[in-house]
Protein backbone atom coordinates (compact mmCIF):
# COMPACT_ATOMS: atom_id res chain seq x y z
CA MET A 1 0.00 0.00 0.00
CA THR A 2 1.38 3.39 -0.96
CA GLU A 3 1.87 6.30 1.40
CA SER A 4 -1.10 8.13 -0.10
CA SER A 5 -3.30 5.11 0.56
CA VAL A 6 -2.14 5.05 4.18
CA ASN A 7 -2.97 8.72 4.58
CA LYS A 8 -6.43 8.14 3.15
CA LEU A 9 -7.03 5.34 5.61
CA LEU A 10 -5.90 7.51 8.49
CA ASN A 11 -8.31 10.19 7.36
CA GLY A 12 -11.23 7.91 8.09
CA ASP A 13 -11.66 6.37 4.65
CA SER A 14 -12.12 2.66 4.11
CA CYS A 15 -10.51 0.79 1.25
CA ARG A 16 -12.04 -2.48 0.25
CA ARG A 17 -11.95 -4.90 -2.62
CA THR A 18 -15.22 -5.43 -4.43
CA SER A 19 -16.38 -7.99 -6.89
CA ASN A 20 -16.64 -7.46 -10.61
CA GLY A 21 -20.44 -7.57 -10.66
CA LEU A 22 -22.49 -4.92 -12.41
CA LYS A 23 -24.32 -3.84 -9.27
CA THR A 24 -21.21 -2.75 -7.45
CA SER A 25 -19.68 -1.22 -10.60
CA LYS A 26 -16.30 -0.96 -8.91
CA ASN A 27 -12.94 -2.52 -9.49
CA GLY A 28 -9.65 -2.03 -7.78
CA PHE A 29 -9.46 -0.20 -4.47
CA VAL A 30 -12.55 1.86 -3.84
CA LYS A 31 -12.60 4.74 -1.41
CA ASN A 32 -15.97 5.10 0.29
CA HIS A 33 -16.67 7.87 2.79
CA CYS A 34 -19.30 6.73 5.27
CA LEU A 35 -18.59 8.47 8.56
CA LEU A 36 -21.22 6.66 10.57
CA GLN A 37 -19.75 3.27 9.70
CA GLN A 38 -16.00 3.85 10.14
CA PRO A 39 -14.02 1.29 12.16
CA HIS A 40 -11.97 2.95 14.88
CA LYS A 41 -8.84 0.96 14.06
CA TYR A 42 -8.02 3.39 11.24
CA ARG A 43 -7.97 6.44 13.51
CA ARG A 44 -4.52 7.69 14.43
CA PRO A 45 -4.20 6.84 18.15
CA ARG A 46 -1.86 9.69 19.04
CA ASP A 47 -4.07 12.36 17.46
CA LYS A 48 -6.73 13.36 19.94
CA GLN A 49 -9.83 15.01 18.63
CA PRO A 50 -10.27 18.16 20.72
CA HIS A 51 -13.29 19.17 18.68
CA GLY A 52 -15.12 15.91 19.38
CA SER A 53 -15.65 12.66 17.55
CA CYS A 54 -16.37 13.21 13.86
CA GLU A 55 -19.06 10.50 13.88
CA ALA A 56 -21.00 12.44 16.49
CA LEU A 57 -21.09 15.51 14.24
CA TYR A 58 -23.23 13.83 11.58
CA LYS A 59 -26.94 13.17 12.03
CA LYS A 60 -27.18 10.78 9.07
CA PRO A 61 -24.81 8.66 6.95
CA PHE A 62 -22.43 10.67 4.79
CA VAL A 63 -21.58 8.42 1.84
CA GLU A 64 -19.24 9.35 -1.00
CA SER A 65 -17.51 7.12 -3.52
CA PHE A 66 -14.28 7.84 -5.39
CA GLU A 67 -12.59 4.99 -7.20
CA GLU A 68 -8.86 5.02 -7.72
CA THR A 69 -7.92 4.96 -11.39
CA PRO A 70 -7.09 1.33 -12.35
CA LEU A 71 -3.45 0.79 -13.27
CA MET A 72 -4.20 -0.46 -16.77
CA VAL A 73 -6.45 2.51 -17.47
CA ALA A 74 -3.80 4.93 -16.21
CA VAL A 75 -1.12 3.34 -18.40
CA LEU A 76 -3.32 3.42 -21.51
CA THR A 77 -4.32 7.03 -20.80
CA TYR A 78 -0.71 8.16 -20.49
CA MET A 79 0.08 6.26 -23.69
CA GLY A 80 -2.78 8.07 -25.44
CA TYR A 81 -1.50 11.47 -24.35
CA GLY A 82 2.03 10.45 -25.33
CA ILE A 83 0.95 9.46 -28.85
CA LEU A 84 -1.00 12.70 -29.25
CA THR A 85 2.01 14.69 -28.08
CA ILE A 86 4.38 12.96 -30.51
CA PHE A 87 2.06 13.55 -33.44
CA GLY A 88 1.54 17.12 -32.25
CA TYR A 89 5.26 17.85 -32.50
CA LEU A 90 5.34 16.18 -35.90
CA ARG A 91 2.49 18.35 -37.15
CA ASP A 92 4.16 21.47 -35.73
CA PHE A 93 7.26 20.54 -37.73
CA LEU A 94 5.18 20.16 -40.89
CA ARG A 95 3.48 23.51 -40.24
CA GLN A 96 6.84 25.20 -39.74
CA TRP A 97 7.97 24.10 -43.20
CA ASN A 98 4.57 24.95 -44.72
CA ILE A 99 3.88 21.31 -45.56
CA GLU A 100 0.69 21.47 -43.53
CA LYS A 101 -1.54 24.52 -43.58
CA ARG A 102 -1.44 26.74 -40.54
CA HIS A 103 -4.78 27.70 -39.03
CA ILE A 104 -3.39 29.48 -36.00
CA ALA A 105 -2.37 33.10 -35.53
CA ARG A 106 1.32 33.81 -35.99
CA GLU A 107 3.49 36.90 -36.14
CA ARG A 108 4.74 38.45 -39.32
CA ASP A 109 8.37 38.18 -40.32
CA GLU A 110 8.81 41.92 -39.80
CA GLN A 111 8.14 41.41 -36.09
CA LYS A 112 10.59 38.59 -35.47
CA ASP A 113 12.89 40.88 -33.41
CA PHE A 114 10.02 42.10 -31.23
CA VAL A 115 8.85 40.58 -27.96
CA PRO A 116 6.67 37.61 -29.04
CA LEU A 117 2.92 38.05 -28.70
CA TYR A 118 2.11 34.36 -29.12
CA GLN A 119 3.84 31.59 -27.21
CA ASP A 120 3.70 28.56 -29.47
CA PHE A 121 4.64 26.09 -26.75
CA GLU A 122 1.96 27.37 -24.36
CA ASN A 123 -0.66 26.86 -27.07
CA PHE A 124 0.58 23.38 -27.96
CA TYR A 125 -2.20 21.63 -26.05
CA ASN A 126 -4.92 23.74 -27.66
CA ARG A 127 -3.85 23.35 -31.26
CA ASN A 128 -2.87 19.68 -31.16
CA LEU A 129 -5.03 18.00 -28.50
CA TYR A 130 -8.04 20.16 -27.65
CA ILE A 131 -8.77 21.02 -31.27
CA ARG A 132 -9.47 17.35 -32.04
CA ILE A 133 -12.49 17.27 -29.72
CA ARG A 134 -13.46 20.94 -29.88
CA ASP A 135 -16.79 20.15 -31.53
CA ASN A 136 -18.10 18.86 -28.18
CA TRP A 137 -18.14 22.36 -26.65
CA ASN A 138 -19.66 25.76 -27.41
CA ARG A 139 -22.62 24.27 -29.26
CA PRO A 140 -25.12 27.07 -29.99
CA VAL A 141 -28.42 26.66 -28.10
CA CYS A 142 -31.48 28.25 -29.72
CA SER A 143 -34.14 27.57 -27.08
CA VAL A 144 -34.73 27.72 -23.35
CA PRO A 145 -32.09 25.50 -21.67
CA GLY A 146 -34.72 23.53 -19.78
CA PRO A 147 -35.00 19.73 -19.48
CA LYS A 148 -34.84 19.65 -23.29
CA MET A 149 -33.30 22.14 -25.69
CA ASP A 150 -32.73 22.86 -29.38
CA LEU A 151 -29.21 22.98 -30.83
CA ILE A 152 -28.04 24.57 -34.07
CA GLU A 153 -26.28 21.93 -36.14
CA ARG A 154 -22.82 22.78 -37.39
CA SER A 155 -20.11 21.08 -39.41
CA THR A 156 -16.39 21.60 -39.86
CA PRO A 157 -14.47 21.41 -43.15
CA ASN A 158 -11.02 21.48 -41.49
CA TYR A 159 -11.10 19.20 -38.45
CA ASN A 160 -12.62 21.62 -35.91
CA TRP A 161 -10.51 24.68 -36.74
CA THR A 162 -13.61 26.48 -37.98
CA PHE A 163 -17.31 25.65 -38.00
CA GLU A 164 -20.12 26.27 -40.46
CA TYR A 165 -23.84 26.22 -39.72
CA THR A 166 -25.81 23.72 -41.77
CA GLY A 167 -29.15 25.48 -41.31
CA ARG A 168 -30.68 22.52 -39.46
CA VAL A 169 -31.83 22.53 -35.84
CA LEU A 170 -31.55 19.49 -33.57
CA LYS A 171 -34.89 19.45 -31.75
CA ASP A 172 -35.63 18.24 -28.21
CA VAL A 173 -32.10 17.31 -27.14
CA LEU A 174 -32.14 16.01 -23.57
CA ASN A 175 -30.27 18.59 -21.48
CA LEU A 176 -28.00 16.88 -18.94
CA GLY A 177 -25.40 19.64 -18.85
CA SER A 178 -27.10 22.76 -17.45
CA TYR A 179 -27.16 23.65 -13.75
CA ASN A 180 -30.95 23.98 -13.87
CA TYR A 181 -31.37 22.02 -10.67
CA LEU A 182 -34.91 23.10 -9.77
CA GLY A 183 -36.13 23.71 -13.31
CA PHE A 184 -36.65 27.48 -12.96
CA ALA A 185 -34.87 28.16 -16.29
CA GLU A 186 -38.12 28.42 -18.25
CA ASN A 187 -39.96 30.92 -20.43
CA LYS A 188 -43.40 30.39 -18.92
CA GLY A 189 -44.83 30.12 -15.46
CA PRO A 190 -44.86 32.43 -12.43
CA CYS A 191 -41.16 33.35 -12.63
CA ALA A 192 -41.32 34.34 -16.30
CA ASP A 193 -44.52 36.31 -15.75
CA ALA A 194 -43.03 38.21 -12.82
CA ALA A 195 -39.87 38.98 -14.79
CA ILE A 196 -41.96 40.41 -17.63
CA GLU A 197 -43.82 42.67 -15.22
CA ALA A 198 -40.51 43.85 -13.71
CA THR A 199 -39.18 44.63 -17.19
CA GLN A 200 -42.24 46.75 -17.95
CA ALA A 201 -41.91 48.57 -14.63
CA TYR A 202 -38.13 49.10 -14.39
CA GLY A 203 -36.70 48.34 -17.81
CA VAL A 204 -33.91 45.89 -18.54
CA GLY A 205 -30.83 47.77 -17.33
CA VAL A 206 -30.03 50.21 -14.54
CA GLY A 207 -27.01 52.00 -16.03
CA SER A 208 -25.37 52.81 -12.69
CA THR A 209 -23.76 51.28 -9.62
CA ARG A 210 -25.51 50.66 -6.33
CA CYS A 211 -23.56 53.52 -4.72
CA GLU A 212 -24.82 56.05 -7.24
CA MET A 213 -28.19 55.85 -9.02
CA GLY A 214 -28.54 52.09 -9.35
CA ASN A 215 -30.03 51.14 -5.98
CA LEU A 216 -33.66 50.16 -6.61
CA ASP A 217 -36.32 49.05 -4.18
CA ILE A 218 -36.35 45.65 -5.87
CA HIS A 219 -32.67 45.22 -4.91
CA GLU A 220 -33.48 46.01 -1.28
CA GLU A 221 -36.34 43.53 -1.33
CA LEU A 222 -34.08 40.86 -2.81
CA GLU A 223 -31.38 41.30 -0.16
CA GLN A 224 -33.88 41.17 2.70
CA LEU A 225 -35.40 38.01 1.24
CA VAL A 226 -32.00 36.35 0.81
CA ALA A 227 -31.06 37.12 4.43
CA ARG A 228 -34.34 35.63 5.63
CA PHE A 229 -33.89 32.58 3.38
CA LEU A 230 -30.38 31.92 4.69
CA GLY A 231 -31.19 32.69 8.32
CA VAL A 232 -28.54 35.42 8.66
CA GLU A 233 -28.66 39.04 9.77
CA SER A 234 -28.00 40.68 6.41
CA SER A 235 -27.02 39.96 2.82
CA MET A 236 -25.81 41.70 -0.32
CA ALA A 237 -26.50 40.82 -3.95
CA PHE A 238 -24.09 41.15 -6.88
CA GLY A 239 -24.66 41.06 -10.62
CA MET A 240 -22.06 38.38 -11.38
CA GLY A 241 -21.41 35.13 -9.56
CA PHE A 242 -17.73 34.87 -10.51
CA ALA A 243 -17.05 38.42 -9.33
CA THR A 244 -18.80 37.70 -6.03
CA ASN A 245 -15.82 35.54 -5.10
CA SER A 246 -12.99 37.18 -7.00
CA MET A 247 -13.83 40.74 -5.89
CA ASN A 248 -14.98 40.15 -2.29
CA ILE A 249 -12.22 37.90 -0.96
CA PRO A 250 -9.62 40.68 -1.53
CA ALA A 251 -11.83 42.95 0.57
CA LEU A 252 -11.90 40.45 3.43
CA THR A 253 -8.23 39.48 3.65
CA GLY A 254 -4.91 41.06 2.80
CA LYS A 255 -1.24 41.03 3.61
CA GLY A 256 -0.52 39.25 6.86
CA CYS A 257 -3.59 37.02 6.50
CA LEU A 258 -3.66 33.29 5.76
CA ILE A 259 -6.11 31.57 3.41
CA LEU A 260 -6.54 27.80 3.69
CA SER A 261 -8.09 26.66 0.43
CA ASP A 262 -9.38 23.27 -0.67
CA GLU A 263 -7.35 21.94 -3.59
CA LEU A 264 -10.49 21.60 -5.75
CA ASN A 265 -11.90 25.08 -5.17
CA HIS A 266 -13.37 26.95 -8.13
CA ALA A 267 -11.26 29.31 -10.22
CA SER A 268 -13.14 32.33 -8.86
CA LEU A 269 -12.06 31.43 -5.31
CA VAL A 270 -8.49 30.86 -6.44
CA LEU A 271 -8.40 34.19 -8.27
CA GLY A 272 -9.88 36.05 -5.32
CA ALA A 273 -7.32 34.54 -2.97
CA ARG A 274 -4.46 35.52 -5.26
CA LEU A 275 -5.74 39.07 -5.67
CA SER A 276 -5.95 39.50 -1.89
CA SER A 277 -2.13 39.37 -1.43
CA SER A 278 -2.70 36.90 1.40
CA THR A 279 -0.58 33.84 2.00
CA ILE A 280 -2.32 30.81 0.47
CA ARG A 281 -1.92 27.25 1.61
CA VAL A 282 -3.84 24.37 0.03
CA PHE A 283 -5.17 21.32 1.87
CA LYS A 284 -6.22 18.03 0.33
CA HIS A 285 -9.79 17.78 -0.86
CA ASN A 286 -12.18 17.19 2.05
CA ASN A 287 -9.26 15.93 4.13
CA MET A 288 -9.68 17.09 7.71
CA GLN A 289 -6.28 15.87 8.84
CA SER A 290 -4.60 17.94 6.14
CA LEU A 291 -6.62 21.01 7.14
CA GLU A 292 -5.99 20.54 10.85
CA LYS A 293 -2.26 20.17 10.26
CA LEU A 294 -2.19 23.48 8.38
CA LEU A 295 -4.17 25.15 11.16
CA ARG A 296 -1.79 23.85 13.82
CA ASP A 297 1.29 24.91 11.88
CA ALA A 298 -0.20 28.35 11.23
CA ILE A 299 -0.86 28.91 14.93
CA VAL A 300 2.44 27.46 16.16
CA HIS A 301 4.79 29.02 13.63
CA GLY A 302 2.91 32.15 12.62
CA GLN A 303 3.97 34.20 9.61
CA PRO A 304 7.13 33.30 7.68
CA ARG A 305 10.39 34.90 8.85
CA THR A 306 8.82 37.16 11.50
CA HIS A 307 6.76 34.39 13.19
CA ARG A 308 4.18 36.97 14.17
CA PRO A 309 0.62 35.70 14.59
CA TRP A 310 -1.54 35.79 11.49
CA LYS A 311 -3.93 38.72 11.39
CA LYS A 312 -6.67 36.44 10.11
CA ILE A 313 -7.01 32.78 9.12
CA LEU A 314 -9.74 32.14 6.53
CA ILE A 315 -10.86 28.64 5.53
CA VAL A 316 -12.34 28.62 2.00
CA VAL A 317 -14.48 25.68 0.86
CA GLU A 318 -17.40 24.91 -1.46
CA GLY A 319 -20.73 23.26 -0.69
CA ILE A 320 -20.81 20.95 -3.73
CA TYR A 321 -17.68 20.55 -5.84
CA SER A 322 -18.87 20.72 -9.43
CA MET A 323 -16.18 18.48 -10.94
CA GLU A 324 -16.25 15.76 -8.29
CA GLY A 325 -19.88 15.75 -7.20
CA SER A 326 -18.69 15.68 -3.58
CA ILE A 327 -20.18 17.56 -0.62
CA VAL A 328 -18.04 19.42 1.87
CA ARG A 329 -17.62 17.87 5.31
CA LEU A 330 -19.06 20.97 6.89
CA PRO A 331 -19.66 19.69 10.46
CA GLU A 332 -15.99 18.78 10.84
CA ILE A 333 -14.79 22.02 9.27
CA ILE A 334 -16.97 24.07 11.61
CA ALA A 335 -15.60 22.09 14.57
CA LEU A 336 -12.03 22.81 13.45
CA LYS A 337 -12.84 26.44 12.77
CA LYS A 338 -14.23 26.91 16.27
CA HIS A 339 -11.38 25.07 17.96
CA TYR A 340 -8.62 27.02 16.20
CA LYS A 341 -10.46 30.38 16.12
CA ALA A 342 -10.45 30.70 12.32
CA TYR A 343 -13.01 32.17 9.91
CA LEU A 344 -15.03 30.17 7.39
CA TYR A 345 -15.93 31.22 3.83
CA LEU A 346 -18.52 28.85 2.31
CA ASP A 347 -19.25 28.95 -1.43
CA GLU A 348 -22.71 27.46 -2.02
CA ALA A 349 -22.89 28.10 -5.76
CA HIS A 350 -24.05 24.54 -6.53
CA SER A 351 -25.58 23.57 -3.19
CA ILE A 352 -27.98 26.45 -2.53
CA GLY A 353 -31.43 25.38 -3.63
CA ALA A 354 -30.21 21.88 -4.49
CA LEU A 355 -29.47 20.45 -1.03
CA GLY A 356 -31.30 20.26 2.24
CA PRO A 357 -34.92 19.50 3.13
CA ASN A 358 -35.78 23.19 2.65
CA GLY A 359 -33.40 23.86 -0.24
CA LYS A 360 -31.21 26.15 1.86
CA GLY A 361 -27.95 24.51 0.91
CA VAL A 362 -25.35 22.45 2.66
CA VAL A 363 -25.98 24.11 6.05
CA ASP A 364 -29.58 22.97 5.86
CA TYR A 365 -28.46 19.56 4.57
CA PHE A 366 -26.44 18.89 7.74
CA GLY A 367 -28.92 20.64 10.06
CA LEU A 368 -26.35 23.21 11.24
CA ASP A 369 -26.70 26.74 12.53
CA PRO A 370 -26.07 29.37 9.79
CA LYS A 371 -24.39 31.58 12.39
CA ASP A 372 -21.50 29.08 12.53
CA VAL A 373 -20.52 30.08 8.98
CA ASP A 374 -18.91 33.51 8.95
CA ILE A 375 -19.29 34.28 5.23
CA MET A 376 -22.04 32.53 3.27
CA MET A 377 -21.64 32.96 -0.47
CA GLY A 378 -23.78 31.60 -3.27
CA THR A 379 -24.95 32.25 -6.81
CA PHE A 380 -28.35 32.70 -8.43
CA THR A 381 -27.23 31.14 -11.71
CA LYS A 382 -28.05 27.52 -10.88
CA SER A 383 -31.09 26.66 -8.82
CA PHE A 384 -32.80 30.02 -9.32
CA GLY A 385 -32.45 30.17 -13.12
CA ALA A 386 -31.09 33.73 -13.03
CA ALA A 387 -27.69 35.45 -12.72
CA GLY A 388 -25.52 36.99 -10.03
CA GLY A 389 -24.44 36.05 -6.54
CA TYR A 390 -24.78 36.99 -2.88
CA ILE A 391 -22.85 37.29 0.37
CA GLY A 392 -24.65 36.64 3.67
CA GLY A 393 -23.55 37.05 7.24
CA LYS A 394 -23.54 39.50 10.12
CA LYS A 395 -24.70 43.06 9.53
CA GLU A 396 -21.24 44.44 10.31
CA LEU A 397 -19.74 42.25 7.58
CA ILE A 398 -22.26 43.33 4.93
CA ASP A 399 -21.94 47.02 5.84
CA TYR A 400 -18.18 46.70 5.47
CA LEU A 401 -18.48 45.06 2.04
CA ARG A 402 -20.82 47.77 0.77
CA CYS A 403 -18.00 50.26 1.19
CA HIS A 404 -14.92 48.16 0.41
CA SER A 405 -15.96 45.54 -2.17
CA HIS A 406 -14.87 46.37 -5.72
CA SER A 407 -17.84 44.44 -7.04
CA ALA A 408 -20.21 46.61 -5.01
CA VAL A 409 -18.60 49.99 -5.64
CA TYR A 410 -17.69 49.74 -9.33
CA ALA A 411 -20.00 47.11 -10.87
CA THR A 412 -23.34 47.91 -12.49
CA SER A 413 -26.42 46.97 -10.49
CA MET A 414 -28.27 43.74 -11.11
CA SER A 415 -30.85 43.87 -13.90
CA PRO A 416 -34.39 44.34 -12.44
CA PRO A 417 -36.03 41.38 -14.28
CA VAL A 418 -33.18 39.15 -13.09
CA ALA A 419 -33.74 40.33 -9.51
CA GLN A 420 -37.46 39.62 -9.85
CA GLN A 421 -36.74 36.13 -11.22
CA ILE A 422 -34.69 35.42 -8.08
CA ILE A 423 -37.34 36.83 -5.75
CA THR A 424 -40.15 34.81 -7.29
CA SER A 425 -38.22 31.52 -7.46
CA MET A 426 -36.93 31.95 -3.90
CA LYS A 427 -40.44 32.58 -2.57
CA ILE A 428 -41.62 29.44 -4.36
CA ILE A 429 -38.84 27.42 -2.68
CA MET A 430 -39.78 28.90 0.70
CA GLY A 431 -43.46 28.16 0.09
CA GLU A 432 -44.46 31.81 0.41
CA ASP A 433 -46.33 31.73 -2.90
CA GLY A 434 -49.12 29.74 -1.26
CA THR A 435 -48.37 26.52 -3.18
CA THR A 436 -46.34 23.37 -2.67
CA LEU A 437 -44.49 23.81 -5.96
CA GLY A 438 -41.16 24.48 -4.23
CA ALA A 439 -41.38 21.44 -1.97
CA ASP A 440 -42.44 19.30 -4.93
CA ARG A 441 -39.42 20.39 -6.96
CA LEU A 442 -37.03 19.75 -4.09
CA ARG A 443 -38.47 16.26 -3.64
CA GLN A 444 -38.36 15.58 -7.38
CA LEU A 445 -34.71 16.65 -7.61
CA HIS A 446 -33.75 14.27 -4.81
CA GLU A 447 -35.68 11.40 -6.39
CA ASN A 448 -34.14 12.04 -9.82
CA THR A 449 -30.65 12.21 -8.33
CA THR A 450 -31.06 8.91 -6.48
CA TYR A 451 -32.66 7.19 -9.46
CA PHE A 452 -30.10 8.35 -12.04
CA ARG A 453 -27.11 7.48 -9.87
CA ARG A 454 -28.51 3.99 -9.27
CA LYS A 455 -29.24 3.64 -12.97
CA LEU A 456 -25.63 4.43 -13.91
CA HIS A 457 -24.37 2.03 -11.22
CA ASP A 458 -26.52 -0.76 -12.62
CA MET A 459 -25.07 -0.13 -16.08
CA GLY A 460 -21.63 -0.97 -14.71
CA LEU A 461 -20.27 2.57 -15.01
CA ILE A 462 -17.84 4.31 -12.68
CA ILE A 463 -19.31 7.44 -11.10
CA TYR A 464 -17.97 9.84 -8.48
CA GLY A 465 -19.41 11.93 -5.71
CA ASN A 466 -21.92 11.98 -2.90
CA GLU A 467 -25.12 9.99 -3.26
CA ASP A 468 -27.19 13.17 -2.68
CA SER A 469 -25.31 15.37 -5.13
CA PRO A 470 -27.16 16.30 -8.37
CA VAL A 471 -23.75 16.65 -10.05
CA ILE A 472 -22.83 13.16 -11.29
CA PRO A 473 -19.39 12.67 -12.93
CA MET A 474 -18.99 9.51 -14.99
CA MET A 475 -15.39 8.50 -15.59
CA LEU A 476 -14.05 8.26 -19.15
CA TYR A 477 -10.31 8.47 -18.38
CA MET A 478 -8.90 8.60 -21.91
CA PRO A 479 -8.82 11.82 -23.96
CA ALA A 480 -10.16 10.24 -27.15
CA LYS A 481 -13.21 8.96 -25.29
CA ILE A 482 -14.28 12.52 -24.37
CA GLY A 483 -14.97 13.40 -27.98
CA ALA A 484 -16.29 9.98 -28.94
CA PHE A 485 -18.70 9.79 -26.01
CA GLY A 486 -20.01 13.31 -26.56
CA ARG A 487 -20.67 12.65 -30.25
CA GLN A 488 -22.29 9.30 -29.48
CA MET A 489 -24.64 10.89 -26.96
CA LEU A 490 -25.60 13.65 -29.37
CA LYS A 491 -26.54 11.00 -31.93
CA LYS A 492 -28.96 9.68 -29.30
CA ASN A 493 -30.29 13.24 -28.82
CA ILE A 494 -28.63 13.65 -25.43
CA GLY A 495 -26.53 16.69 -24.57
CA ILE A 496 -23.76 16.15 -22.00
CA VAL A 497 -20.67 18.00 -20.82
CA GLY A 498 -17.25 16.37 -21.24
CA VAL A 499 -14.44 17.47 -18.95
CA GLY A 500 -10.74 16.73 -19.33
CA PHE A 501 -7.28 18.06 -18.59
CA PRO A 502 -6.47 20.73 -17.36
CA ALA A 503 -9.88 21.03 -15.63
CA THR A 504 -9.33 17.54 -14.18
CA PRO A 505 -6.25 15.41 -13.47
CA ILE A 506 -4.72 14.12 -16.69
CA ILE A 507 -5.89 10.52 -16.12
CA GLU A 508 -9.37 11.37 -14.83
CA SER A 509 -11.32 12.72 -17.81
CA ARG A 510 -15.05 12.43 -17.34
CA ALA A 511 -18.55 13.19 -18.54
CA ARG A 512 -20.58 15.27 -16.12
CA PHE A 513 -24.34 14.84 -15.79
CA CYS A 514 -26.43 17.49 -14.02
CA VAL A 515 -29.84 16.27 -12.93
CA SER A 516 -32.82 18.63 -12.76
CA ALA A 517 -36.20 18.52 -11.06
CA ALA A 518 -37.67 19.24 -14.50
CA HIS A 519 -36.48 15.86 -15.80
CA THR A 520 -39.11 13.15 -15.88
CA ARG A 521 -38.47 9.46 -15.32
CA GLU A 522 -39.11 8.84 -19.02
CA MET A 523 -36.40 11.36 -19.96
CA LEU A 524 -33.84 9.78 -17.66
CA ASN A 525 -34.68 6.32 -18.98
CA THR A 526 -33.57 7.39 -22.48
CA VAL A 527 -29.98 7.52 -21.19
CA ASN A 528 -28.97 3.95 -21.94
CA ILE A 529 -25.22 3.42 -22.17
CA SER A 530 -25.21 -0.26 -21.26
CA ASP A 531 -25.52 -1.36 -24.88
CA SER A 532 -22.84 0.99 -26.17
CA TRP A 533 -19.09 0.68 -26.57
CA GLN A 534 -18.60 2.63 -23.34
CA SER A 535 -19.97 0.00 -20.96
CA LYS A 536 -18.32 -2.87 -22.86
CA TYR A 537 -15.02 -1.05 -22.72
CA VAL A 538 -15.32 -0.43 -18.97
CA ARG A 539 -16.15 -4.11 -18.33
CA ARG A 540 -13.15 -5.18 -20.40
CA LEU A 541 -10.84 -2.89 -18.42
CA LYS A 542 -12.30 -4.14 -15.14
CA TYR A 543 -11.63 -7.75 -16.18
CA ILE A 544 -8.03 -6.95 -17.14
CA ASN A 545 -7.44 -5.04 -13.92
CA GLU A 546 -8.88 -7.81 -11.74
CA THR A 547 -6.76 -10.40 -13.56
CA LEU A 548 -3.56 -8.37 -13.11
CA THR A 549 -4.33 -7.78 -9.44
CA TYR A 550 -5.03 -11.48 -8.90
CA TYR A 551 -1.68 -12.57 -10.35
CA LYS A 552 0.12 -9.74 -8.57
């Protein structure tokens, strides 16, 4: 067993060997997180838990599954990337001697003594690897991105360097790629009607910042509703979800502060941390031992060179990690945060509206007190079918951000119809519209998530994440399979999102399904991969891996 495997066992994870049956759909060593069923023999005896037993922090089983990449799959994946790289260098050589036509931008000969504008080596991956499967992304959508959508068909005459529209429209493509968790991305119904009325009353744009002439009564209503929905003292809304993280974290921390960031945090969190000029240290994904070690070292040693105490220690995590489908271990993080007197920044972009019995996110999912989270952040772009983001917390925090956040001072106010879309959808979730539509959608999302995950398991496919997460990654591993699987699904009138390097580790390419409450059981049943090359290929690799492990 490797050192990394030992560390995972010490972190409270169990490794076990499973059979090659279709119902388990696992081969090799499988890492399952189930905190209510952990044997105590894996706990480090010399590490006392001052913040209490982790099992006692959870009110229900917390089950997540992440399978280690089989050795044979890893070898074949590296070989695939190696072959693509070799042919990429060969094609670059042919392009240099004008044997093959160049489709990329290059500098003129008159500028050869100037500082180069284009770094050929940095763009090597794009022009030789990504370009081969580029047709799987940026497909034009010409309808509401609801449970089904219409796509404009396009073709390429030069192997994905350029695209041409054929004039045909692919009708009723099953949408398994949008973050439309509760199905509020629609052009009819109470949300659409309310947005139309807001457009007639306020117009589409504001044309000013909140600090000048862009503060409308509908913005005040939205922020009061968000604070009530989250159970916090105050909140503030922003027009862009990405900027909510990247522009507010620099206002909260600065030089002399320490940010402890999960290794799988979103790019907006990473950018915000870098812009803050704070010291950044990364802990392993959802690994409480790694986080606690960084907290101890930060308190014992202080700042580098001077060893002065840190002005502020901020733990930055997400509710649902969109590439892994995992849920943050929030009860343990709050226990560590309280014990070591740190602050907690929680990004609920994917979890707000999609988790919890009341749709209030990961805090509601674990039954925790919202006051234990210092900064609650989320976006309106997923479950609410709108745009923008919010920050919630104590009134002193929000008043400070109104004056010091770049996103608040310099950005244009949120569009009024977008604000009304959020207000209406949030009231539906809270049940304040006088109907049970919100509760029905929350229940339907949970049922669809459970059903679709079980369906993929029964097909013999390898999936990642928490059993309650509506984000469901299905492992493809090899780069060529990203393009092939996406094209195969589109032939079956199913739209999916393929994800590969550098968004994921190089040997962990995947297809990501996003389940919605708007999906019906009949729609989900159309996703049948068991009779395709994908499932047969996975079974073949499982058989090879089990055979090699047996003889080893």
